[in-house]
Amino acid sequence: TTTTVTTTEATTTTTVTAPAGAIIWQIPTVEAKPGDTVTMAVTVNDVQNVGLSIGGAQFVITNDEGVNYVSAAAGDGYATKKYNINDTTRQNAFSTPIGGAAAPDGATVITLTFTVH
């Protein structure tokens, strides 16, 4: 028995739809080569116009091997002046005013910078 395998290049696009009443924080897919510095804006995906209010968030940034974390910068997506970024531990947190705040579709939550080696 002879098996023939044909290899072709393909681009795969993943579409994620938020459940009813939800939003998505979307991180873009970026192509880079060794030596490149890449900046990525994490944005609010609210195409259903939910306007979901949140009181705040806490998260840690991780990355794959071969990619070095450089920094994070607060976005303007939520009405907050209390944004804490620790580039050493990669821990991030922010709080919004009492009652929460909603960010519009396309608003930036945080901007991340990485280098590729």
N, C-alpha and C. Protein backbone atom coordinates (compact mmCIF):
# COMPACT_ATOMS: atom_id res chain seq x y z
N THR A 1 0.84 -1.18 0.00
CA THR A 1 0.00 0.00 0.00
C THR A 1 0.88 1.23 0.00
N THR A 2 0.55 2.19 -0.86
CA THR A 2 1.28 3.45 -0.94
C THR A 2 0.35 4.58 -0.50
N THR A 3 0.87 5.40 0.40
CA THR A 3 0.10 6.54 0.87
C THR A 3 0.80 7.81 0.41
N THR A 4 0.06 8.69 -0.21
CA THR A 4 0.60 9.96 -0.67
C THR A 4 0.03 11.08 0.19
N VAL A 5 0.94 11.90 0.73
CA VAL A 5 0.51 13.03 1.53
C VAL A 5 0.93 14.29 0.81
N THR A 6 -0.01 15.16 0.54
CA THR A 6 0.28 16.44 -0.10
C THR A 6 0.25 17.52 0.96
N THR A 7 1.33 18.28 1.05
CA THR A 7 1.41 19.35 2.03
C THR A 7 1.20 20.68 1.33
N THR A 8 0.30 21.45 1.85
CA THR A 8 0.05 22.80 1.32
C THR A 8 0.00 23.78 2.49
N GLU A 9 0.28 25.04 2.18
CA GLU A 9 0.15 26.06 3.21
C GLU A 9 -1.30 26.48 3.30
N ALA A 10 -1.75 26.71 4.53
CA ALA A 10 -3.12 27.13 4.73
C ALA A 10 -3.17 28.16 5.85
N THR A 11 -4.14 29.01 5.76
CA THR A 11 -4.38 29.97 6.82
C THR A 11 -5.66 29.57 7.52
N THR A 12 -5.58 29.47 8.84
CA THR A 12 -6.75 29.12 9.62
C THR A 12 -7.23 30.34 10.39
N THR A 13 -8.49 30.62 10.28
CA THR A 13 -9.08 31.73 11.02
C THR A 13 -10.06 31.16 12.03
N THR A 14 -9.91 31.56 13.26
CA THR A 14 -10.82 31.11 14.30
C THR A 14 -11.77 32.24 14.64
N THR A 15 -13.05 31.96 14.56
CA THR A 15 -14.06 32.95 14.90
C THR A 15 -14.66 32.55 16.24
N VAL A 16 -14.63 33.49 17.16
CA VAL A 16 -15.20 33.24 18.48
C VAL A 16 -16.37 34.18 18.66
N THR A 17 -17.49 33.62 19.05
CA THR A 17 -18.68 34.43 19.28
C THR A 17 -18.98 34.40 20.77
N ALA A 18 -19.15 35.57 21.34
CA ALA A 18 -19.46 35.65 22.77
C ALA A 18 -20.87 35.14 23.02
N PRO A 19 -21.06 34.42 24.12
CA PRO A 19 -22.42 34.02 24.48
C PRO A 19 -23.29 35.26 24.73
N ALA A 20 -24.58 35.10 24.68
CA ALA A 20 -25.49 36.22 24.91
C ALA A 20 -25.17 36.88 26.25
N GLY A 21 -25.10 38.20 26.25
CA GLY A 21 -24.83 38.95 27.48
C GLY A 21 -23.37 39.04 27.86
N ALA A 22 -22.47 38.57 27.00
CA ALA A 22 -21.04 38.55 27.31
C ALA A 22 -20.25 39.37 26.30
N ILE A 23 -19.01 39.66 26.67
CA ILE A 23 -18.05 40.33 25.79
C ILE A 23 -16.80 39.48 25.72
N ILE A 24 -15.90 39.83 24.83
CA ILE A 24 -14.62 39.13 24.69
C ILE A 24 -13.51 40.16 24.76
N TRP A 25 -12.43 39.84 25.47
CA TRP A 25 -11.20 40.62 25.37
C TRP A 25 -10.37 39.90 24.33
N GLN A 26 -10.12 40.55 23.23
CA GLN A 26 -9.51 39.92 22.07
C GLN A 26 -8.04 40.30 21.93
N ILE A 27 -7.19 39.28 21.83
CA ILE A 27 -5.75 39.48 21.61
C ILE A 27 -5.48 39.13 20.16
N PRO A 28 -4.88 40.04 19.40
CA PRO A 28 -4.68 39.76 17.98
C PRO A 28 -3.62 38.70 17.73
N THR A 29 -3.71 38.06 16.59
CA THR A 29 -2.67 37.15 16.12
C THR A 29 -1.68 38.00 15.34
N VAL A 30 -0.39 37.85 15.66
CA VAL A 30 0.63 38.67 15.02
C VAL A 30 1.73 37.75 14.50
N GLU A 31 2.18 37.99 13.29
CA GLU A 31 3.32 37.26 12.76
C GLU A 31 4.56 38.11 12.95
N ALA A 32 5.65 37.47 13.42
CA ALA A 32 6.90 38.20 13.66
C ALA A 32 8.06 37.26 13.42
N LYS A 33 9.22 37.86 13.22
CA LYS A 33 10.43 37.06 13.03
C LYS A 33 11.43 37.41 14.13
N PRO A 34 12.43 36.58 14.34
CA PRO A 34 13.42 36.87 15.39
C PRO A 34 13.99 38.28 15.23
N GLY A 35 14.07 38.98 16.37
CA GLY A 35 14.57 40.35 16.38
C GLY A 35 13.46 41.39 16.35
N ASP A 36 12.24 40.98 16.00
CA ASP A 36 11.12 41.92 15.94
C ASP A 36 10.61 42.28 17.34
N THR A 37 10.15 43.50 17.48
CA THR A 37 9.41 43.93 18.65
C THR A 37 7.96 44.07 18.21
N VAL A 38 7.07 43.46 18.97
CA VAL A 38 5.66 43.42 18.61
C VAL A 38 4.83 44.08 19.71
N THR A 39 3.97 44.99 19.31
CA THR A 39 3.04 45.62 20.24
C THR A 39 1.63 45.20 19.86
N MET A 40 0.88 44.71 20.84
CA MET A 40 -0.47 44.21 20.58
C MET A 40 -1.46 44.87 21.53
N ALA A 41 -2.50 45.43 20.98
CA ALA A 41 -3.57 46.01 21.79
C ALA A 41 -4.62 44.94 22.06
N VAL A 42 -4.89 44.68 23.33
CA VAL A 42 -5.98 43.78 23.72
C VAL A 42 -7.24 44.64 23.75
N THR A 43 -8.20 44.29 22.93
CA THR A 43 -9.38 45.14 22.75
C THR A 43 -10.67 44.45 23.18
N VAL A 44 -11.66 45.26 23.44
CA VAL A 44 -12.99 44.77 23.78
C VAL A 44 -13.72 44.40 22.50
N ASN A 45 -14.25 43.20 22.46
CA ASN A 45 -15.08 42.76 21.34
C ASN A 45 -16.51 42.69 21.89
N ASP A 46 -17.30 43.68 21.53
CA ASP A 46 -18.69 43.76 21.99
C ASP A 46 -19.60 44.05 20.80
N VAL A 47 -19.53 43.17 19.81
CA VAL A 47 -20.30 43.38 18.59
C VAL A 47 -21.80 43.24 18.83
N GLN A 48 -22.18 42.61 19.96
CA GLN A 48 -23.60 42.49 20.30
C GLN A 48 -24.11 43.74 21.03
N ASN A 49 -23.19 44.70 21.29
CA ASN A 49 -23.52 45.93 21.98
C ASN A 49 -24.16 45.67 23.35
N VAL A 50 -23.53 44.74 24.09
CA VAL A 50 -24.02 44.36 25.41
C VAL A 50 -23.78 45.47 26.43
N GLY A 51 -22.62 46.13 26.34
CA GLY A 51 -22.29 47.17 27.31
C GLY A 51 -22.11 46.62 28.70
N LEU A 52 -21.44 45.48 28.80
CA LEU A 52 -21.26 44.79 30.08
C LEU A 52 -20.38 45.60 31.03
N SER A 53 -20.93 45.98 32.17
CA SER A 53 -20.16 46.70 33.18
C SER A 53 -19.35 45.72 34.01
N ILE A 54 -18.10 46.08 34.29
CA ILE A 54 -17.28 45.26 35.16
C ILE A 54 -16.72 46.15 36.27
N GLY A 55 -16.47 45.54 37.41
CA GLY A 55 -15.94 46.26 38.55
C GLY A 55 -14.43 46.34 38.54
N GLY A 56 -13.80 45.47 37.76
CA GLY A 56 -12.35 45.45 37.67
C GLY A 56 -11.88 44.10 37.17
N ALA A 57 -10.58 43.92 37.15
CA ALA A 57 -10.01 42.66 36.68
C ALA A 57 -8.62 42.48 37.25
N GLN A 58 -8.22 41.22 37.39
CA GLN A 58 -6.86 40.85 37.77
C GLN A 58 -6.42 39.75 36.82
N PHE A 59 -5.21 39.86 36.28
CA PHE A 59 -4.73 38.83 35.37
C PHE A 59 -3.21 38.88 35.31
N VAL A 60 -2.63 37.75 34.87
CA VAL A 60 -1.18 37.61 34.72
C VAL A 60 -0.90 37.34 33.25
N ILE A 61 0.10 38.01 32.70
CA ILE A 61 0.48 37.83 31.30
C ILE A 61 1.51 36.70 31.21
N THR A 62 1.27 35.73 30.35
CA THR A 62 2.23 34.66 30.08
C THR A 62 2.47 34.62 28.57
N ASN A 63 3.56 34.00 28.17
CA ASN A 63 3.85 33.90 26.74
C ASN A 63 4.61 32.61 26.44
N ASP A 64 4.63 32.26 25.17
CA ASP A 64 5.33 31.06 24.73
C ASP A 64 6.84 31.27 24.76
N GLU A 65 7.57 30.16 24.80
CA GLU A 65 9.02 30.23 24.72
C GLU A 65 9.41 30.79 23.36
N GLY A 66 10.47 31.59 23.34
CA GLY A 66 10.89 32.23 22.10
C GLY A 66 10.35 33.64 21.96
N VAL A 67 9.49 34.00 22.90
CA VAL A 67 8.92 35.34 22.93
C VAL A 67 9.22 35.92 24.31
N ASN A 68 9.75 37.12 24.35
CA ASN A 68 10.08 37.77 25.62
C ASN A 68 9.10 38.89 25.92
N TYR A 69 8.53 38.87 27.09
CA TYR A 69 7.66 39.94 27.55
C TYR A 69 8.52 41.17 27.80
N VAL A 70 8.08 42.33 27.33
CA VAL A 70 8.79 43.59 27.55
C VAL A 70 8.03 44.47 28.52
N SER A 71 6.74 44.75 28.20
CA SER A 71 5.98 45.67 29.05
C SER A 71 4.50 45.60 28.73
N ALA A 72 3.75 46.24 29.61
CA ALA A 72 2.31 46.41 29.41
C ALA A 72 1.97 47.86 29.71
N ALA A 73 0.96 48.38 29.02
CA ALA A 73 0.52 49.76 29.26
C ALA A 73 -1.00 49.77 29.36
N ALA A 74 -1.51 50.54 30.31
CA ALA A 74 -2.95 50.63 30.51
C ALA A 74 -3.64 51.18 29.28
N GLY A 75 -4.78 50.62 28.97
CA GLY A 75 -5.59 51.12 27.87
C GLY A 75 -6.61 52.13 28.37
N ASP A 76 -7.41 52.63 27.46
CA ASP A 76 -8.41 53.63 27.80
C ASP A 76 -9.82 53.05 27.78
N GLY A 77 -9.92 51.72 27.75
CA GLY A 77 -11.21 51.07 27.58
C GLY A 77 -12.18 51.21 28.74
N TYR A 78 -11.67 51.31 29.94
CA TYR A 78 -12.54 51.41 31.11
C TYR A 78 -12.23 52.69 31.86
N ALA A 79 -13.25 53.30 32.42
CA ALA A 79 -13.08 54.56 33.15
C ALA A 79 -12.39 54.27 34.49
N THR A 80 -11.07 54.23 34.47
CA THR A 80 -10.33 53.90 35.68
C THR A 80 -9.08 54.73 35.79
N LYS A 81 -8.74 55.08 36.97
CA LYS A 81 -7.47 55.72 37.23
C LYS A 81 -6.62 54.81 38.12
N LYS A 82 -7.16 53.66 38.46
CA LYS A 82 -6.48 52.71 39.33
C LYS A 82 -6.06 51.49 38.52
N TYR A 83 -5.00 51.63 37.76
CA TYR A 83 -4.49 50.53 36.94
C TYR A 83 -3.10 50.20 37.46
N ASN A 84 -2.90 48.98 37.93
CA ASN A 84 -1.62 48.56 38.48
C ASN A 84 -0.98 47.53 37.56
N ILE A 85 0.21 47.87 37.06
CA ILE A 85 0.96 46.97 36.18
C ILE A 85 2.29 46.70 36.84
N ASN A 86 2.62 45.41 37.02
CA ASN A 86 3.91 45.03 37.57
C ASN A 86 4.65 44.26 36.47
N ASP A 87 5.59 44.91 35.80
CA ASP A 87 6.31 44.26 34.70
C ASP A 87 7.22 43.14 35.17
N THR A 88 7.61 43.13 36.44
CA THR A 88 8.47 42.06 36.95
C THR A 88 7.69 40.76 37.12
N THR A 89 6.51 40.84 37.74
CA THR A 89 5.70 39.64 37.97
C THR A 89 4.67 39.42 36.87
N ARG A 90 4.49 40.42 36.01
CA ARG A 90 3.50 40.41 34.93
C ARG A 90 2.07 40.39 35.46
N GLN A 91 1.89 40.79 36.69
CA GLN A 91 0.56 40.87 37.27
C GLN A 91 -0.05 42.22 36.94
N ASN A 92 -1.32 42.19 36.60
CA ASN A 92 -2.04 43.41 36.22
C ASN A 92 -3.38 43.43 36.94
N ALA A 93 -3.80 44.60 37.33
CA ALA A 93 -5.10 44.74 37.98
C ALA A 93 -5.62 46.15 37.74
N PHE A 94 -6.93 46.25 37.64
CA PHE A 94 -7.54 47.57 37.60
C PHE A 94 -8.92 47.50 38.23
N SER A 95 -9.36 48.63 38.69
CA SER A 95 -10.72 48.73 39.23
C SER A 95 -11.41 49.92 38.58
N THR A 96 -12.71 49.81 38.51
CA THR A 96 -13.51 50.87 37.91
C THR A 96 -14.30 51.57 39.01
N PRO A 97 -14.93 52.69 38.72
CA PRO A 97 -15.72 53.39 39.75
C PRO A 97 -16.82 52.49 40.31
N ILE A 98 -17.34 52.85 41.46
CA ILE A 98 -18.42 52.09 42.09
C ILE A 98 -19.55 51.91 41.08
N GLY A 99 -20.04 50.69 40.98
CA GLY A 99 -21.09 50.40 40.02
C GLY A 99 -20.56 49.83 38.72
N GLY A 100 -19.24 49.86 38.54
CA GLY A 100 -18.63 49.29 37.35
C GLY A 100 -18.64 50.25 36.17
N ALA A 101 -18.00 49.81 35.13
CA ALA A 101 -17.93 50.60 33.90
C ALA A 101 -17.94 49.65 32.71
N ALA A 102 -18.53 50.09 31.64
CA ALA A 102 -18.56 49.32 30.39
C ALA A 102 -17.60 49.98 29.40
N ALA A 103 -16.96 49.17 28.59
CA ALA A 103 -16.07 49.68 27.54
C ALA A 103 -16.72 49.41 26.19
N PRO A 104 -16.64 50.36 25.28
CA PRO A 104 -17.26 50.16 23.97
C PRO A 104 -16.48 49.17 23.11
N ASP A 105 -17.15 48.64 22.11
CA ASP A 105 -16.52 47.73 21.16
C ASP A 105 -15.28 48.39 20.55
N GLY A 106 -14.17 47.67 20.56
CA GLY A 106 -12.93 48.18 19.98
C GLY A 106 -12.04 48.94 20.94
N ALA A 107 -12.52 49.22 22.16
CA ALA A 107 -11.72 49.96 23.14
C ALA A 107 -10.53 49.11 23.59
N THR A 108 -9.43 49.76 23.92
CA THR A 108 -8.22 49.06 24.34
C THR A 108 -8.25 48.82 25.85
N VAL A 109 -8.06 47.57 26.25
CA VAL A 109 -7.98 47.19 27.65
C VAL A 109 -6.56 47.37 28.15
N ILE A 110 -5.59 46.85 27.39
CA ILE A 110 -4.18 46.90 27.74
C ILE A 110 -3.38 46.73 26.44
N THR A 111 -2.21 47.32 26.40
CA THR A 111 -1.31 47.15 25.25
C THR A 111 -0.08 46.40 25.74
N LEU A 112 0.23 45.30 25.06
CA LEU A 112 1.36 44.44 25.43
C LEU A 112 2.48 44.56 24.42
N THR A 113 3.73 44.55 24.90
CA THR A 113 4.88 44.59 24.02
C THR A 113 5.78 43.39 24.30
N PHE A 114 6.19 42.72 23.24
CA PHE A 114 7.04 41.54 23.30
C PHE A 114 8.16 41.66 22.29
N THR A 115 9.26 40.94 22.52
CA THR A 115 10.30 40.78 21.51
C THR A 115 10.38 39.30 21.15
N VAL A 116 10.78 39.04 19.94
CA VAL A 116 10.91 37.67 19.45
C VAL A 116 12.38 37.35 19.32
N HIS A 117 12.79 36.20 19.83
CA HIS A 117 14.20 35.82 19.70
C HIS A 117 14.35 34.47 19.03
